[in-house]
Amino acid sequence: MQTQTTEALLQHTEKRTKCLVYTRVMGYHRPVESFNIGKKGEHKQRTHFRECKS
């Protein structure tokens, strides 16, 4: 599975574009790209979850 993904990425490099990831920090949304090195580390350590429908 991993090799298929890697091959697909290498085949279509000309079609790839930069993706900006935004996250909510202190009540407003900011791009993760603009974080300092410490805040980027905190963002990578976050646990993502899905809330069940009630």
N, C-alpha and C. Protein backbone atom coordinates (compact mmCIF):
# COMPACT_ATOMS: atom_id res chain seq x y z
N MET A 1 0.83 -1.20 0.00
CA MET A 1 0.00 0.00 0.00
C MET A 1 0.87 1.26 0.00
N GLN A 2 1.91 1.25 0.82
CA GLN A 2 2.79 2.42 0.92
C GLN A 2 3.50 2.68 -0.41
N THR A 3 3.92 1.63 -1.09
CA THR A 3 4.64 1.82 -2.36
C THR A 3 3.72 2.36 -3.44
N GLN A 4 2.44 1.97 -3.42
CA GLN A 4 1.49 2.49 -4.39
C GLN A 4 1.30 3.99 -4.20
N THR A 5 1.20 4.43 -2.96
CA THR A 5 1.04 5.85 -2.66
C THR A 5 2.27 6.62 -3.09
N THR A 6 3.44 6.10 -2.79
CA THR A 6 4.69 6.76 -3.16
C THR A 6 4.82 6.86 -4.67
N GLU A 7 4.50 5.78 -5.37
CA GLU A 7 4.56 5.80 -6.84
C GLU A 7 3.60 6.82 -7.42
N ALA A 8 2.40 6.90 -6.88
CA ALA A 8 1.41 7.85 -7.37
C ALA A 8 1.89 9.28 -7.17
N LEU A 9 2.51 9.56 -6.04
CA LEU A 9 3.02 10.90 -5.77
C LEU A 9 4.14 11.27 -6.73
N LEU A 10 5.02 10.32 -7.00
CA LEU A 10 6.14 10.58 -7.89
C LEU A 10 5.69 10.76 -9.34
N GLN A 11 4.65 10.07 -9.75
CA GLN A 11 4.15 10.16 -11.12
C GLN A 11 3.50 11.51 -11.41
N HIS A 12 2.86 12.10 -10.44
CA HIS A 12 2.06 13.30 -10.67
C HIS A 12 2.63 14.54 -9.98
N THR A 13 3.94 14.68 -9.96
CA THR A 13 4.54 15.82 -9.26
C THR A 13 4.17 17.15 -9.90
N GLU A 14 3.94 17.17 -11.21
CA GLU A 14 3.59 18.43 -11.87
C GLU A 14 2.19 18.91 -11.53
N LYS A 15 1.34 18.02 -11.04
CA LYS A 15 -0.04 18.38 -10.69
C LYS A 15 -0.19 18.78 -9.23
N ARG A 16 0.85 18.57 -8.43
CA ARG A 16 0.76 18.85 -7.00
C ARG A 16 0.86 20.34 -6.74
N THR A 17 0.10 20.80 -5.75
CA THR A 17 0.14 22.19 -5.33
C THR A 17 0.29 22.24 -3.81
N LYS A 18 0.71 23.38 -3.32
CA LYS A 18 0.89 23.56 -1.88
C LYS A 18 -0.47 23.64 -1.20
N CYS A 19 -0.60 22.97 -0.09
CA CYS A 19 -1.84 22.96 0.68
C CYS A 19 -1.61 23.68 1.99
N LEU A 20 -2.40 24.71 2.27
CA LEU A 20 -2.30 25.41 3.54
C LEU A 20 -3.23 24.76 4.55
N VAL A 21 -2.69 24.44 5.71
CA VAL A 21 -3.47 23.84 6.78
C VAL A 21 -3.73 24.91 7.82
N TYR A 22 -4.99 25.14 8.13
CA TYR A 22 -5.37 26.12 9.14
C TYR A 22 -5.83 25.39 10.39
N THR A 23 -5.60 25.99 11.53
CA THR A 23 -6.08 25.44 12.78
C THR A 23 -6.57 26.58 13.66
N ARG A 24 -7.43 26.25 14.59
CA ARG A 24 -7.99 27.28 15.47
C ARG A 24 -7.08 27.43 16.68
N VAL A 25 -6.57 28.62 16.88
CA VAL A 25 -5.69 28.91 18.00
C VAL A 25 -6.18 30.18 18.68
N MET A 26 -6.41 30.10 19.97
CA MET A 26 -6.81 31.26 20.76
C MET A 26 -8.02 31.99 20.16
N GLY A 27 -8.99 31.23 19.66
CA GLY A 27 -10.24 31.80 19.20
C GLY A 27 -10.29 32.23 17.75
N TYR A 28 -9.22 32.08 17.01
CA TYR A 28 -9.27 32.43 15.59
C TYR A 28 -8.43 31.45 14.80
N HIS A 29 -8.63 31.40 13.49
CA HIS A 29 -7.94 30.46 12.62
C HIS A 29 -6.66 31.06 12.07
N ARG A 30 -5.59 30.27 12.09
CA ARG A 30 -4.29 30.69 11.57
C ARG A 30 -3.67 29.55 10.78
N PRO A 31 -2.88 29.86 9.76
CA PRO A 31 -2.19 28.78 9.04
C PRO A 31 -1.07 28.21 9.90
N VAL A 32 -0.94 26.90 9.92
CA VAL A 32 0.10 26.23 10.69
C VAL A 32 1.47 26.66 10.20
N GLU A 33 1.59 26.99 8.94
CA GLU A 33 2.85 27.41 8.34
C GLU A 33 3.46 28.63 9.06
N SER A 34 2.62 29.48 9.62
CA SER A 34 3.10 30.71 10.26
C SER A 34 3.49 30.51 11.73
N PHE A 35 3.32 29.29 12.26
CA PHE A 35 3.66 29.02 13.65
C PHE A 35 5.17 29.02 13.85
N ASN A 36 5.60 29.32 15.08
CA ASN A 36 7.00 29.17 15.40
C ASN A 36 7.29 27.69 15.63
N ILE A 37 8.57 27.33 15.78
CA ILE A 37 8.95 25.91 15.86
C ILE A 37 8.29 25.19 17.04
N GLY A 38 8.14 25.86 18.15
CA GLY A 38 7.51 25.24 19.32
C GLY A 38 6.04 24.95 19.11
N LYS A 39 5.34 25.90 18.52
CA LYS A 39 3.91 25.73 18.26
C LYS A 39 3.67 24.67 17.19
N LYS A 40 4.57 24.56 16.20
CA LYS A 40 4.46 23.50 15.19
C LYS A 40 4.60 22.13 15.84
N GLY A 41 5.52 22.02 16.82
CA GLY A 41 5.69 20.76 17.55
C GLY A 41 4.44 20.40 18.33
N GLU A 42 3.83 21.38 18.98
CA GLU A 42 2.59 21.14 19.71
C GLU A 42 1.49 20.67 18.77
N HIS A 43 1.41 21.27 17.59
CA HIS A 43 0.38 20.91 16.63
C HIS A 43 0.54 19.46 16.18
N LYS A 44 1.78 19.00 15.98
CA LYS A 44 2.02 17.62 15.56
C LYS A 44 1.65 16.62 16.64
N GLN A 45 1.72 17.02 17.91
CA GLN A 45 1.42 16.11 19.00
C GLN A 45 -0.07 16.04 19.35
N ARG A 46 -0.89 16.85 18.74
CA ARG A 46 -2.32 16.85 19.05
C ARG A 46 -2.96 15.54 18.64
N THR A 47 -3.97 15.15 19.40
CA THR A 47 -4.74 13.95 19.09
C THR A 47 -6.00 14.37 18.36
N HIS A 48 -6.22 13.80 17.18
CA HIS A 48 -7.41 14.11 16.40
C HIS A 48 -8.48 13.06 16.69
N PHE A 49 -9.72 13.46 16.77
CA PHE A 49 -10.79 12.54 17.05
C PHE A 49 -12.03 12.93 16.25
N ARG A 50 -12.94 11.97 16.14
CA ARG A 50 -14.22 12.22 15.49
C ARG A 50 -15.31 12.04 16.53
N GLU A 51 -16.21 12.99 16.55
CA GLU A 51 -17.29 12.94 17.49
C GLU A 51 -18.43 12.11 16.90
N CYS A 52 -18.98 11.22 17.69
CA CYS A 52 -20.07 10.37 17.23
C CYS A 52 -21.36 11.18 17.09
N LYS A 53 -22.17 10.80 16.11
CA LYS A 53 -23.48 11.44 15.96
C LYS A 53 -24.37 10.99 17.09
N SER A 54 -25.16 11.90 17.61
CA SER A 54 -26.06 11.52 18.71
C SER A 54 -27.47 11.31 18.23
